[in-house]
Amino acid sequence: MNRETISLLAHADHPIAAPLDDTSVRLLLERAVRGGDERLLDLGCGTAPWLLRALAAHPGVTGAGVDTSAEALELARAAAEQAGVGSRLRLHRRDAVGFTAAEPFDVVLSVGAGHAFGGLLPTLDAARALLAPGGRVLAGEAFWLREPSAAARELLGDCQDLAGTMAEVAAHGWIPVFGHISTRQELDDYEWCWTGSLAAWALDHPGEPGSAEALAASAGHRTQWLEGYRDSFGFVTLVLRRTDE
């Protein structure tokens, strides 16, 4: 079972692939999509839940999603058709790094996909190249709530604390116009859904290839979370505008 399939199974019962609940997602989209006629781009869209919500809420919005997973994009396409927004959504199967478009976008999203670019600042660089004047970026990334253990650093890499993250964002030419720090409940709900959905699939499909691997992945992730990074990991989602405007 490859990582893409494990990720799809693990996120089956959570609103999006990040530690945010429905209310937080709605508020962030309200702050990012202000006019109701914007062109949206999601870099690393997965099954495109951000785009689907924005398209459903705003009949004048159009969206484009970029991802490498054919399975995720097919699920996104089917969900868009079922929601009646398929004609306003374009999906591109390719690496989000280096993606180009003929016209800029009013809102560029990349929440929890910073690993594809090498971190938050390279993600913002990619978004800047695709952003229309006056546009907004909606980006989410991990930060350290408190000093992490060596094991947590090894798992999650070199994050900053929140103040350091915001200082880097500002120095890189961005101004936050809204933000959300995931609550303890959002963080824990995300992890319980990730591990629980994967384990439930394995238990419901005991004879299928990959079942034992999925169950082991669930148990391993749960151990890493509870014994490694739970007490030090945080997540911030920002709505940003360019300083040079």
Protein backbone atom coordinates (compact mmCIF):
# COMPACT_ATOMS: atom_id res chain seq x y z
CA MET A 1 0.00 0.00 0.00
CA ASN A 2 1.56 3.30 -1.07
CA ARG A 3 1.59 6.54 0.92
CA GLU A 4 -1.09 8.14 -1.26
CA THR A 5 -3.57 5.36 -0.53
CA ILE A 6 -2.77 5.38 3.18
CA SER A 7 -3.32 9.15 3.26
CA LEU A 8 -6.66 8.92 1.45
CA LEU A 9 -7.91 6.22 3.83
CA ALA A 10 -6.64 8.11 6.89
CA HIS A 11 -8.41 11.34 5.87
CA ALA A 12 -11.71 9.71 4.90
CA ASP A 13 -13.56 10.90 8.01
CA HIS A 14 -12.02 14.33 8.52
CA PRO A 15 -13.23 17.55 6.84
CA ILE A 16 -9.83 18.33 5.32
CA ALA A 17 -6.27 17.03 5.47
CA ALA A 18 -5.28 19.43 8.25
CA PRO A 19 -6.20 19.96 11.93
CA LEU A 20 -9.12 22.33 11.32
CA ASP A 21 -12.80 21.78 12.00
CA ASP A 22 -15.72 22.82 9.79
CA THR A 23 -16.23 26.16 11.53
CA SER A 24 -12.57 27.11 11.18
CA VAL A 25 -12.53 26.16 7.50
CA ARG A 26 -15.63 28.26 6.86
CA LEU A 27 -14.23 31.33 8.66
CA LEU A 28 -10.90 31.11 6.83
CA LEU A 29 -12.61 30.83 3.47
CA GLU A 30 -14.84 33.80 4.31
CA ARG A 31 -11.74 35.91 4.96
CA ALA A 32 -9.95 34.69 1.84
CA VAL A 33 -12.84 34.77 -0.66
CA ARG A 34 -14.25 38.26 -0.29
CA GLY A 35 -15.89 39.16 -3.60
CA GLY A 36 -17.60 35.94 -4.63
CA ASP A 37 -16.26 36.01 -8.19
CA GLU A 38 -12.63 35.07 -7.60
CA ARG A 39 -10.40 32.59 -9.39
CA LEU A 40 -9.01 30.12 -6.83
CA LEU A 41 -6.00 27.83 -7.03
CA ASP A 42 -5.16 25.05 -4.56
CA LEU A 43 -1.56 23.81 -4.72
CA GLY A 44 -1.57 20.26 -3.36
CA CYS A 45 -5.36 20.06 -3.37
CA GLY A 46 -5.80 16.34 -2.65
CA THR A 47 -9.53 15.64 -2.91
CA ALA A 48 -10.09 19.43 -3.15
CA PRO A 49 -12.28 20.01 -0.06
CA TRP A 50 -11.29 23.70 0.20
CA LEU A 51 -12.21 24.33 -3.42
CA LEU A 52 -15.45 22.37 -3.23
CA ARG A 53 -16.61 24.38 -0.22
CA ALA A 54 -15.73 27.69 -1.85
CA LEU A 55 -17.45 26.77 -5.11
CA ALA A 56 -20.59 25.63 -3.29
CA ALA A 57 -20.75 28.85 -1.26
CA HIS A 58 -20.07 31.21 -4.18
CA PRO A 59 -21.73 30.53 -7.55
CA GLY A 60 -19.42 33.08 -9.21
CA VAL A 61 -16.16 31.48 -8.07
CA THR A 62 -14.06 29.21 -10.29
CA GLY A 63 -11.32 26.92 -9.03
CA ALA A 64 -8.28 24.96 -10.10
CA GLY A 65 -6.56 22.22 -8.16
CA VAL A 66 -3.11 20.70 -8.58
CA ASP A 67 -2.03 17.35 -7.15
CA THR A 68 0.05 14.31 -8.09
CA SER A 69 -2.49 11.73 -6.88
CA ALA A 70 -4.74 10.41 -9.64
CA GLU A 71 -6.94 8.71 -7.05
CA ALA A 72 -7.43 11.91 -5.04
CA LEU A 73 -8.23 13.94 -8.14
CA GLU A 74 -10.76 11.38 -9.30
CA LEU A 75 -12.50 11.59 -5.93
CA ALA A 76 -12.44 15.39 -6.20
CA ARG A 77 -13.93 15.26 -9.69
CA ALA A 78 -16.72 12.94 -8.59
CA ALA A 79 -17.52 15.06 -5.53
CA ALA A 80 -17.61 18.21 -7.66
CA GLU A 81 -20.07 16.62 -10.09
CA GLN A 82 -22.25 15.40 -7.24
CA ALA A 83 -22.27 18.90 -5.72
CA GLY A 84 -23.15 20.48 -9.06
CA VAL A 85 -19.93 22.53 -9.30
CA GLY A 86 -17.96 20.36 -11.72
CA SER A 87 -18.16 22.88 -14.57
CA ARG A 88 -16.35 25.47 -12.44
CA LEU A 89 -13.47 23.23 -11.32
CA ARG A 90 -10.36 22.31 -13.28
CA LEU A 91 -8.02 19.66 -11.92
CA HIS A 92 -4.40 19.17 -12.95
CA ARG A 93 -2.46 16.02 -12.25
CA ARG A 94 1.09 17.23 -11.82
CA ASP A 95 3.59 18.39 -9.22
CA ALA A 96 2.49 21.63 -7.59
CA VAL A 97 6.13 22.78 -7.60
CA GLY A 98 6.69 24.64 -10.83
CA PHE A 99 3.00 24.85 -11.76
CA THR A 100 2.29 27.74 -14.12
CA ALA A 101 -0.90 29.27 -15.49
CA ALA A 102 -1.77 31.68 -18.27
CA GLU A 103 -3.64 33.99 -15.88
CA PRO A 104 -3.01 34.77 -12.21
CA PHE A 105 -5.37 33.76 -9.43
CA ASP A 106 -7.17 35.94 -6.89
CA VAL A 107 -6.73 33.38 -4.08
CA VAL A 108 -3.97 30.77 -3.83
CA LEU A 109 -4.38 28.05 -1.20
CA SER A 110 -1.87 25.57 0.16
CA VAL A 111 -2.78 24.19 3.58
CA GLY A 112 -0.68 21.38 5.01
CA ALA A 113 1.16 20.83 1.72
CA GLY A 114 4.31 22.77 2.53
CA HIS A 115 6.40 19.59 2.50
CA ALA A 116 6.01 19.49 -1.28
CA PHE A 117 7.75 22.85 -1.58
CA GLY A 118 10.27 22.45 1.23
CA GLY A 119 8.53 24.55 3.88
CA LEU A 120 6.28 27.56 4.37
CA LEU A 121 8.48 30.22 2.76
CA PRO A 122 9.04 28.29 -0.50
CA THR A 123 5.28 27.66 -0.54
CA LEU A 124 4.66 31.40 -0.32
CA ASP A 125 7.18 32.00 -3.10
CA ALA A 126 5.25 29.60 -5.33
CA ALA A 127 1.97 31.30 -4.43
CA ARG A 128 3.40 34.77 -5.10
CA ALA A 129 4.29 33.80 -8.66
CA LEU A 130 0.65 32.82 -9.34
CA LEU A 131 -1.14 35.57 -7.42
CA ALA A 132 -3.01 38.47 -9.01
CA PRO A 133 -2.46 42.02 -7.70
CA GLY A 134 -4.46 42.48 -4.50
CA GLY A 135 -4.87 38.73 -4.13
CA ARG A 136 -4.76 36.63 -0.98
CA VAL A 137 -2.91 33.51 0.01
CA LEU A 138 -4.40 30.98 2.42
CA ALA A 139 -1.58 28.87 3.84
CA GLY A 140 -1.32 26.50 6.79
CA GLU A 141 1.80 25.14 8.42
CA ALA A 142 3.09 23.49 11.58
CA PHE A 143 4.90 25.34 14.36
CA TRP A 144 6.28 24.39 17.76
CA LEU A 145 4.02 25.17 20.70
CA ARG A 146 6.94 24.51 23.03
CA GLU A 147 10.46 23.16 22.75
CA PRO A 148 10.15 19.74 21.08
CA SER A 149 12.01 16.58 21.89
CA ALA A 150 14.73 15.33 19.58
CA ALA A 151 12.33 12.62 18.40
CA ALA A 152 9.67 15.21 17.54
CA ARG A 153 12.18 17.28 15.57
CA GLU A 154 13.26 14.21 13.67
CA LEU A 155 9.63 13.42 12.77
CA LEU A 156 8.43 16.89 11.82
CA GLY A 157 11.55 18.77 10.82
CA ASP A 158 12.76 22.26 11.62
CA CYS A 159 9.68 24.29 12.49
CA GLN A 160 9.81 27.64 14.26
CA ASP A 161 7.73 28.67 17.22
CA LEU A 162 4.71 30.85 16.39
CA ALA A 163 6.51 34.17 16.90
CA GLY A 164 9.41 32.98 14.78
CA THR A 165 7.05 31.77 12.07
CA MET A 166 5.28 35.12 11.92
CA ALA A 167 8.57 37.01 11.87
CA GLU A 168 9.75 34.93 8.92
CA VAL A 169 6.49 35.50 7.06
CA ALA A 170 6.73 39.26 7.60
CA ALA A 171 10.39 39.40 6.58
CA HIS A 172 9.48 37.49 3.43
CA GLY A 173 7.08 40.21 2.32
CA TRP A 174 3.68 39.14 3.64
CA ILE A 175 1.10 40.69 5.97
CA PRO A 176 -1.43 38.49 7.80
CA VAL A 177 -4.98 39.83 7.46
CA PHE A 178 -6.48 36.87 9.34
CA GLY A 179 -5.30 33.73 11.03
CA HIS A 180 -6.33 30.73 13.06
CA ILE A 181 -4.34 28.66 15.53
CA SER A 182 -5.73 25.15 15.74
CA THR A 183 -7.13 24.32 19.15
CA ARG A 184 -6.17 21.29 21.20
CA GLN A 185 -9.49 19.72 20.23
CA GLU A 186 -8.86 20.31 16.52
CA LEU A 187 -5.36 18.88 16.80
CA ASP A 188 -6.50 15.80 18.70
CA ASP A 189 -9.59 15.23 16.54
CA TYR A 190 -7.38 15.24 13.47
CA GLU A 191 -5.03 12.62 14.90
CA TRP A 192 -7.86 10.42 16.20
CA CYS A 193 -9.51 10.56 12.77
CA TRP A 194 -6.23 9.84 10.97
CA THR A 195 -5.38 6.79 13.03
CA GLY A 196 -8.97 5.63 13.56
CA SER A 197 -10.11 5.83 9.94
CA LEU A 198 -7.09 3.88 8.78
CA ALA A 199 -7.54 1.23 11.49
CA ALA A 200 -11.28 0.94 10.76
CA TRP A 201 -10.62 0.31 7.07
CA ALA A 202 -8.09 -2.41 7.95
CA LEU A 203 -10.51 -4.09 10.35
CA ASP A 204 -13.34 -3.93 7.81
CA HIS A 205 -11.16 -5.44 5.04
CA PRO A 206 -9.12 -8.13 6.80
CA GLY A 207 -8.53 -10.20 3.70
CA GLU A 208 -7.50 -7.41 1.33
CA PRO A 209 -3.89 -6.69 0.37
CA GLY A 210 -2.54 -3.87 2.48
CA SER A 211 -4.84 -4.48 5.44
CA ALA A 212 -2.09 -5.52 7.83
CA GLU A 213 0.11 -2.68 6.56
CA ALA A 214 -2.67 -0.14 7.16
CA LEU A 215 -3.24 -1.39 10.69
CA ALA A 216 0.48 -1.17 11.42
CA ALA A 217 0.65 2.34 9.95
CA SER A 218 -2.22 3.42 12.19
CA ALA A 219 -0.58 2.02 15.30
CA GLY A 220 2.79 3.50 14.41
CA HIS A 221 1.36 6.95 13.75
CA ARG A 222 -0.59 6.88 17.01
CA THR A 223 2.58 6.05 18.96
CA GLN A 224 4.51 8.85 17.24
CA TRP A 225 1.73 11.31 18.03
CA LEU A 226 1.17 10.38 21.68
CA GLU A 227 4.78 9.68 22.63
CA GLY A 228 6.55 12.04 20.24
CA TYR A 229 4.99 15.35 19.22
CA ARG A 230 1.51 15.77 20.76
CA ASP A 231 2.62 18.20 23.47
CA SER A 232 4.80 20.34 21.22
CA PHE A 233 3.05 20.43 17.83
CA GLY A 234 0.86 23.35 16.74
CA PHE A 235 -0.73 24.41 13.46
CA VAL A 236 -1.44 27.92 12.17
CA THR A 237 -3.47 28.86 9.10
CA LEU A 238 -3.00 32.36 7.71
CA VAL A 239 -4.71 34.61 5.19
CA LEU A 240 -1.91 36.75 3.75
CA ARG A 241 -1.47 39.71 1.45
CA ARG A 242 1.72 40.98 -0.10
CA THR A 243 3.58 43.78 1.69
CA ASP A 244 4.55 45.50 -1.59
CA GLU A 245 0.90 46.26 -2.43
